[in-house]
All heavy atoms as atom14 arrays in JSON, in Angstrom:
{
  "sequence": "DCKVQKGNESHLRSVDFYPGNGTFDLMYYP",
  "atom14_mask": [
    [1, 1, 1, 1, 1, 1, 1, 1, 0, 0, 0, 0, 0, 0],
    [1, 1, 1, 1, 1, 1, 0, 0, 0, 0, 0, 0, 0, 0],
    [1, 1, 1, 1, 1, 1, 1, 1, 1, 0, 0, 0, 0, 0],
    [1, 1, 1, 1, 1, 1, 1, 0, 0, 0, 0, 0, 0, 0],
    [1, 1, 1, 1, 1, 1, 1, 1, 1, 0, 0, 0, 0, 0],
    [1, 1, 1, 1, 1, 1, 1, 1, 1, 0, 0, 0, 0, 0],
    [1, 1, 1, 1, 0, 0, 0, 0, 0, 0, 0, 0, 0, 0],
    [1, 1, 1, 1, 1, 1, 1, 1, 0, 0, 0, 0, 0, 0],
    [1, 1, 1, 1, 1, 1, 1, 1, 1, 0, 0, 0, 0, 0],
    [1, 1, 1, 1, 1, 1, 0, 0, 0, 0, 0, 0, 0, 0],
    [1, 1, 1, 1, 1, 1, 1, 1, 1, 1, 0, 0, 0, 0],
    [1, 1, 1, 1, 1, 1, 1, 1, 0, 0, 0, 0, 0, 0],
    [1, 1, 1, 1, 1, 1, 1, 1, 1, 1, 1, 0, 0, 0],
    [1, 1, 1, 1, 1, 1, 0, 0, 0, 0, 0, 0, 0, 0],
    [1, 1, 1, 1, 1, 1, 1, 0, 0, 0, 0, 0, 0, 0],
    [1, 1, 1, 1, 1, 1, 1, 1, 0, 0, 0, 0, 0, 0],
    [1, 1, 1, 1, 1, 1, 1, 1, 1, 1, 1, 0, 0, 0],
    [1, 1, 1, 1, 1, 1, 1, 1, 1, 1, 1, 1, 0, 0],
    [1, 1, 1, 1, 1, 1, 1, 0, 0, 0, 0, 0, 0, 0],
    [1, 1, 1, 1, 0, 0, 0, 0, 0, 0, 0, 0, 0, 0],
    [1, 1, 1, 1, 1, 1, 1, 1, 0, 0, 0, 0, 0, 0],
    [1, 1, 1, 1, 0, 0, 0, 0, 0, 0, 0, 0, 0, 0],
    [1, 1, 1, 1, 1, 1, 1, 0, 0, 0, 0, 0, 0, 0],
    [1, 1, 1, 1, 1, 1, 1, 1, 1, 1, 1, 0, 0, 0],
    [1, 1, 1, 1, 1, 1, 1, 1, 0, 0, 0, 0, 0, 0],
    [1, 1, 1, 1, 1, 1, 1, 1, 0, 0, 0, 0, 0, 0],
    [1, 1, 1, 1, 1, 1, 1, 1, 0, 0, 0, 0, 0, 0],
    [1, 1, 1, 1, 1, 1, 1, 1, 1, 1, 1, 1, 0, 0],
    [1, 1, 1, 1, 1, 1, 1, 1, 1, 1, 1, 1, 0, 0],
    [1, 1, 1, 1, 1, 1, 1, 0, 0, 0, 0, 0, 0, 0]
  ],
  "atom14_positions": [
    [[133.31, 95.49, 77.7], [134.02, 94.25, 77.54], [133.69, 93.78, 76.09], [132.71, 94.14, 75.51], [133.71, 93.18, 78.66], [132.37, 92.7, 78.54], [131.73, 92.77, 77.56], [131.94, 92.1, 79.61], [0.0, 0.0, 0.0], [0.0, 0.0, 0.0], [0.0, 0.0, 0.0], [0.0, 0.0, 0.0], [0.0, 0.0, 0.0], [0.0, 0.0, 0.0]],
    [[134.62, 92.89, 75.66], [134.52, 92.37, 74.26], [134.68, 90.9, 74.25], [135.59, 90.39, 75.06], [135.49, 93.04, 73.23], [135.17, 94.8, 73.14], [0.0, 0.0, 0.0], [0.0, 0.0, 0.0], [0.0, 0.0, 0.0], [0.0, 0.0, 0.0], [0.0, 0.0, 0.0], [0.0, 0.0, 0.0], [0.0, 0.0, 0.0], [0.0, 0.0, 0.0]],
    [[134.01, 90.23, 73.44], [134.28, 88.78, 73.26], [133.82, 88.39, 71.76], [133.22, 89.16, 71.12], [133.41, 88.02, 74.28], [131.77, 88.22, 74.13], [130.93, 87.5, 75.22], [129.54, 87.76, 75.04], [128.75, 86.98, 76.04], [0.0, 0.0, 0.0], [0.0, 0.0, 0.0], [0.0, 0.0, 0.0], [0.0, 0.0, 0.0], [0.0, 0.0, 0.0]],
    [[134.13, 87.13, 71.49], [133.74, 86.6, 70.24], [132.22, 86.27, 70.29], [131.77, 85.67, 71.26], [134.41, 85.24, 69.93], [133.85, 84.65, 68.62], [135.98, 85.53, 69.7], [0.0, 0.0, 0.0], [0.0, 0.0, 0.0], [0.0, 0.0, 0.0], [0.0, 0.0, 0.0], [0.0, 0.0, 0.0], [0.0, 0.0, 0.0], [0.0, 0.0, 0.0]],
    [[131.48, 86.88, 69.26], [130.12, 86.76, 69.34], [129.59, 85.43, 69.1], [128.66, 85.04, 69.68], [129.57, 87.86, 68.37], [127.99, 88.13, 68.5], [127.17, 87.33, 67.49], [127.68, 86.92, 66.43], [125.92, 87.15, 67.72], [0.0, 0.0, 0.0], [0.0, 0.0, 0.0], [0.0, 0.0, 0.0], [0.0, 0.0, 0.0], [0.0, 0.0, 0.0]],
    [[130.23, 84.78, 68.05], [129.81, 83.37, 67.71], [131.01, 82.69, 66.99], [131.49, 83.29, 66.11], [128.68, 83.43, 66.79], [128.16, 82.1, 66.49], [126.83, 82.28, 65.65], [126.24, 80.87, 65.25], [124.89, 81.0, 64.47], [0.0, 0.0, 0.0], [0.0, 0.0, 0.0], [0.0, 0.0, 0.0], [0.0, 0.0, 0.0], [0.0, 0.0, 0.0]],
    [[131.4, 81.51, 67.62], [132.43, 80.84, 67.02], [133.55, 80.58, 67.93], [133.28, 80.39, 69.24], [0.0, 0.0, 0.0], [0.0, 0.0, 0.0], [0.0, 0.0, 0.0], [0.0, 0.0, 0.0], [0.0, 0.0, 0.0], [0.0, 0.0, 0.0], [0.0, 0.0, 0.0], [0.0, 0.0, 0.0], [0.0, 0.0, 0.0], [0.0, 0.0, 0.0]],
    [[134.69, 80.37, 67.43], [135.99, 80.02, 68.33], [136.32, 81.16, 69.15], [136.96, 82.21, 68.71], [136.98, 79.42, 67.49], [138.08, 78.91, 68.18], [138.34, 79.03, 69.39], [138.78, 77.95, 67.56], [0.0, 0.0, 0.0], [0.0, 0.0, 0.0], [0.0, 0.0, 0.0], [0.0, 0.0, 0.0], [0.0, 0.0, 0.0], [0.0, 0.0, 0.0]],
    [[136.17, 81.07, 70.55], [136.64, 82.12, 71.51], [138.01, 82.42, 71.48], [138.45, 83.48, 71.69], [136.01, 81.79, 72.91], [134.6, 81.78, 72.94], [134.16, 81.48, 74.35], [135.11, 81.35, 75.37], [132.97, 81.35, 74.75], [0.0, 0.0, 0.0], [0.0, 0.0, 0.0], [0.0, 0.0, 0.0], [0.0, 0.0, 0.0], [0.0, 0.0, 0.0]],
    [[138.89, 81.45, 70.98], [140.36, 81.58, 71.04], [140.86, 82.46, 69.87], [141.97, 82.9, 69.9], [141.06, 80.33, 71.01], [140.71, 79.65, 69.67], [0.0, 0.0, 0.0], [0.0, 0.0, 0.0], [0.0, 0.0, 0.0], [0.0, 0.0, 0.0], [0.0, 0.0, 0.0], [0.0, 0.0, 0.0], [0.0, 0.0, 0.0], [0.0, 0.0, 0.0]],
    [[139.89, 82.89, 68.99], [140.28, 83.73, 67.91], [140.46, 85.31, 68.35], [141.01, 86.08, 67.67], [139.23, 83.77, 66.76], [139.28, 82.56, 65.92], [138.42, 82.23, 64.94], [140.17, 81.58, 65.94], [138.66, 81.05, 64.37], [139.73, 80.55, 64.91], [0.0, 0.0, 0.0], [0.0, 0.0, 0.0], [0.0, 0.0, 0.0], [0.0, 0.0, 0.0]],
    [[139.97, 85.48, 69.64], [140.2, 86.84, 70.17], [140.94, 86.6, 71.44], [140.38, 86.36, 72.49], [138.75, 87.53, 70.42], [138.86, 89.02, 71.14], [139.83, 89.89, 70.23], [137.57, 89.52, 71.39], [0.0, 0.0, 0.0], [0.0, 0.0, 0.0], [0.0, 0.0, 0.0], [0.0, 0.0, 0.0], [0.0, 0.0, 0.0], [0.0, 0.0, 0.0]],
    [[142.35, 86.78, 71.36], [143.05, 86.48, 72.59], [143.49, 87.71, 73.37], [143.76, 87.35, 74.65], [144.38, 85.71, 72.03], [144.23, 84.4, 71.48], [145.39, 83.79, 70.88], [145.9, 84.48, 69.68], [145.53, 84.0, 68.45], [144.8, 82.81, 68.35], [146.03, 84.5, 67.37], [0.0, 0.0, 0.0], [0.0, 0.0, 0.0], [0.0, 0.0, 0.0]],
    [[143.31, 88.84, 72.93], [143.77, 89.84, 73.89], [143.18, 91.3, 73.33], [143.2, 91.53, 72.22], [145.28, 90.03, 73.88], [145.7, 91.14, 74.67], [0.0, 0.0, 0.0], [0.0, 0.0, 0.0], [0.0, 0.0, 0.0], [0.0, 0.0, 0.0], [0.0, 0.0, 0.0], [0.0, 0.0, 0.0], [0.0, 0.0, 0.0], [0.0, 0.0, 0.0]],
    [[142.62, 92.06, 74.27], [142.04, 93.34, 74.03], [142.4, 94.23, 75.17], [142.28, 93.89, 76.42], [140.56, 93.24, 73.94], [140.14, 94.81, 73.46], [139.99, 92.23, 73.0], [0.0, 0.0, 0.0], [0.0, 0.0, 0.0], [0.0, 0.0, 0.0], [0.0, 0.0, 0.0], [0.0, 0.0, 0.0], [0.0, 0.0, 0.0], [0.0, 0.0, 0.0]],
    [[143.03, 95.54, 74.75], [143.32, 96.37, 75.81], [142.37, 97.56, 75.7], [141.89, 97.89, 74.58], [144.76, 96.99, 75.67], [145.86, 96.01, 75.81], [145.7, 95.04, 76.54], [146.93, 96.14, 75.14], [0.0, 0.0, 0.0], [0.0, 0.0, 0.0], [0.0, 0.0, 0.0], [0.0, 0.0, 0.0], [0.0, 0.0, 0.0], [0.0, 0.0, 0.0]],
    [[142.02, 98.12, 76.8], [140.97, 99.13, 76.85], [141.64, 100.42, 77.43], [142.44, 100.43, 78.32], [139.78, 98.73, 77.73], [139.07, 97.52, 77.29], [139.3, 96.26, 77.68], [138.03, 97.72, 76.35], [138.7, 95.23, 77.17], [137.3, 96.73, 75.96], [137.55, 95.34, 76.35], [0.0, 0.0, 0.0], [0.0, 0.0, 0.0], [0.0, 0.0, 0.0]],
    [[141.22, 101.66, 76.78], [141.58, 102.94, 77.22], [140.45, 103.85, 77.19], [139.51, 103.68, 76.37], [142.77, 103.45, 76.33], [143.89, 102.45, 76.11], [143.95, 101.91, 74.85], [144.8, 102.47, 77.11], [145.08, 101.07, 74.7], [145.92, 101.63, 76.94], [146.06, 100.81, 75.64], [147.1, 100.12, 75.43], [0.0, 0.0, 0.0], [0.0, 0.0, 0.0]],
    [[140.42, 104.86, 78.06], [141.34, 105.08, 79.27], [141.01, 104.22, 80.29], [139.96, 103.43, 80.56], [141.01, 106.55, 79.62], [139.56, 106.7, 79.24], [139.33, 105.89, 78.07], [0.0, 0.0, 0.0], [0.0, 0.0, 0.0], [0.0, 0.0, 0.0], [0.0, 0.0, 0.0], [0.0, 0.0, 0.0], [0.0, 0.0, 0.0], [0.0, 0.0, 0.0]],
    [[142.09, 104.08, 81.22], [141.84, 103.19, 82.42], [141.6, 101.74, 82.02], [142.28, 101.23, 81.05], [0.0, 0.0, 0.0], [0.0, 0.0, 0.0], [0.0, 0.0, 0.0], [0.0, 0.0, 0.0], [0.0, 0.0, 0.0], [0.0, 0.0, 0.0], [0.0, 0.0, 0.0], [0.0, 0.0, 0.0], [0.0, 0.0, 0.0], [0.0, 0.0, 0.0]],
    [[140.65, 101.13, 82.78], [140.24, 99.95, 82.34], [138.85, 99.81, 81.47], [138.2, 98.86, 81.58], [139.92, 99.1, 83.61], [138.96, 99.85, 84.63], [138.56, 100.95, 84.31], [138.58, 99.29, 85.75], [0.0, 0.0, 0.0], [0.0, 0.0, 0.0], [0.0, 0.0, 0.0], [0.0, 0.0, 0.0], [0.0, 0.0, 0.0], [0.0, 0.0, 0.0]],
    [[138.72, 100.82, 80.63], [137.55, 100.86, 79.77], [136.32, 101.23, 80.38], [135.3, 100.43, 80.22], [0.0, 0.0, 0.0], [0.0, 0.0, 0.0], [0.0, 0.0, 0.0], [0.0, 0.0, 0.0], [0.0, 0.0, 0.0], [0.0, 0.0, 0.0], [0.0, 0.0, 0.0], [0.0, 0.0, 0.0], [0.0, 0.0, 0.0], [0.0, 0.0, 0.0]],
    [[136.28, 102.36, 81.0], [135.0, 102.88, 81.68], [134.75, 104.3, 81.16], [135.65, 105.07, 80.67], [135.2, 102.87, 83.27], [136.25, 103.65, 83.5], [135.28, 101.59, 83.77], [0.0, 0.0, 0.0], [0.0, 0.0, 0.0], [0.0, 0.0, 0.0], [0.0, 0.0, 0.0], [0.0, 0.0, 0.0], [0.0, 0.0, 0.0], [0.0, 0.0, 0.0]],
    [[133.45, 104.63, 81.17], [133.02, 105.96, 80.93], [132.85, 106.63, 82.21], [131.85, 106.46, 83.06], [131.64, 105.92, 80.18], [131.67, 105.36, 78.83], [131.44, 104.01, 78.57], [131.94, 106.17, 77.74], [131.45, 103.41, 77.25], [131.95, 105.61, 76.42], [131.73, 104.23, 76.26], [0.0, 0.0, 0.0], [0.0, 0.0, 0.0], [0.0, 0.0, 0.0]],
    [[133.71, 107.74, 82.41], [133.74, 108.42, 83.75], [132.38, 109.15, 83.87], [131.91, 109.78, 83.01], [134.93, 109.36, 83.79], [135.23, 109.82, 85.26], [134.43, 110.67, 85.81], [136.15, 109.37, 85.8], [0.0, 0.0, 0.0], [0.0, 0.0, 0.0], [0.0, 0.0, 0.0], [0.0, 0.0, 0.0], [0.0, 0.0, 0.0], [0.0, 0.0, 0.0]],
    [[131.96, 109.21, 85.15], [130.6, 109.79, 85.42], [130.7, 111.49, 85.1], [129.61, 111.98, 85.02], [130.34, 109.61, 86.89], [130.21, 108.18, 87.44], [129.9, 108.13, 88.88], [129.17, 107.45, 86.61], [0.0, 0.0, 0.0], [0.0, 0.0, 0.0], [0.0, 0.0, 0.0], [0.0, 0.0, 0.0], [0.0, 0.0, 0.0], [0.0, 0.0, 0.0]],
    [[131.98, 112.04, 85.25], [131.94, 113.38, 85.03], [131.33, 113.9, 83.7], [131.13, 115.21, 83.55], [133.3, 114.01, 85.32], [134.36, 113.49, 84.33], [136.0, 114.19, 84.68], [137.04, 113.59, 83.4], [0.0, 0.0, 0.0], [0.0, 0.0, 0.0], [0.0, 0.0, 0.0], [0.0, 0.0, 0.0], [0.0, 0.0, 0.0], [0.0, 0.0, 0.0]],
    [[131.28, 113.09, 82.77], [130.9, 113.52, 81.41], [129.24, 113.43, 81.37], [128.71, 113.74, 80.27], [131.38, 112.58, 80.39], [132.87, 112.72, 80.27], [133.75, 111.71, 80.78], [133.52, 113.84, 79.81], [135.06, 111.77, 80.78], [135.04, 113.94, 79.74], [135.76, 112.87, 80.25], [137.04, 112.97, 80.32], [0.0, 0.0, 0.0], [0.0, 0.0, 0.0]],
    [[128.63, 113.28, 82.34], [127.17, 113.11, 82.49], [126.59, 113.92, 83.57], [127.22, 114.1, 84.54], [126.66, 111.72, 82.61], [127.29, 110.78, 81.47], [128.48, 110.1, 81.8], [126.76, 110.64, 80.25], [129.11, 109.22, 80.73], [127.4, 109.82, 79.29], [128.53, 109.13, 79.51], [129.14, 108.28, 78.67], [0.0, 0.0, 0.0], [0.0, 0.0, 0.0]],
    [[125.4, 114.47, 83.36], [124.38, 114.3, 82.3], [124.65, 115.22, 81.15], [125.46, 116.26, 81.33], [122.99, 114.66, 82.83], [123.31, 115.54, 83.98], [124.73, 115.27, 84.47], [0.0, 0.0, 0.0], [0.0, 0.0, 0.0], [0.0, 0.0, 0.0], [0.0, 0.0, 0.0], [0.0, 0.0, 0.0], [0.0, 0.0, 0.0], [0.0, 0.0, 0.0]]
  ]
}
């Protein structure tokens, strides 16, 4: 997930993540 690190949170209004909902699939590990 992503957020404004410090300051006005409204400066970051939308982020899309790929693939899916922004996860690291287990099959790439170990």
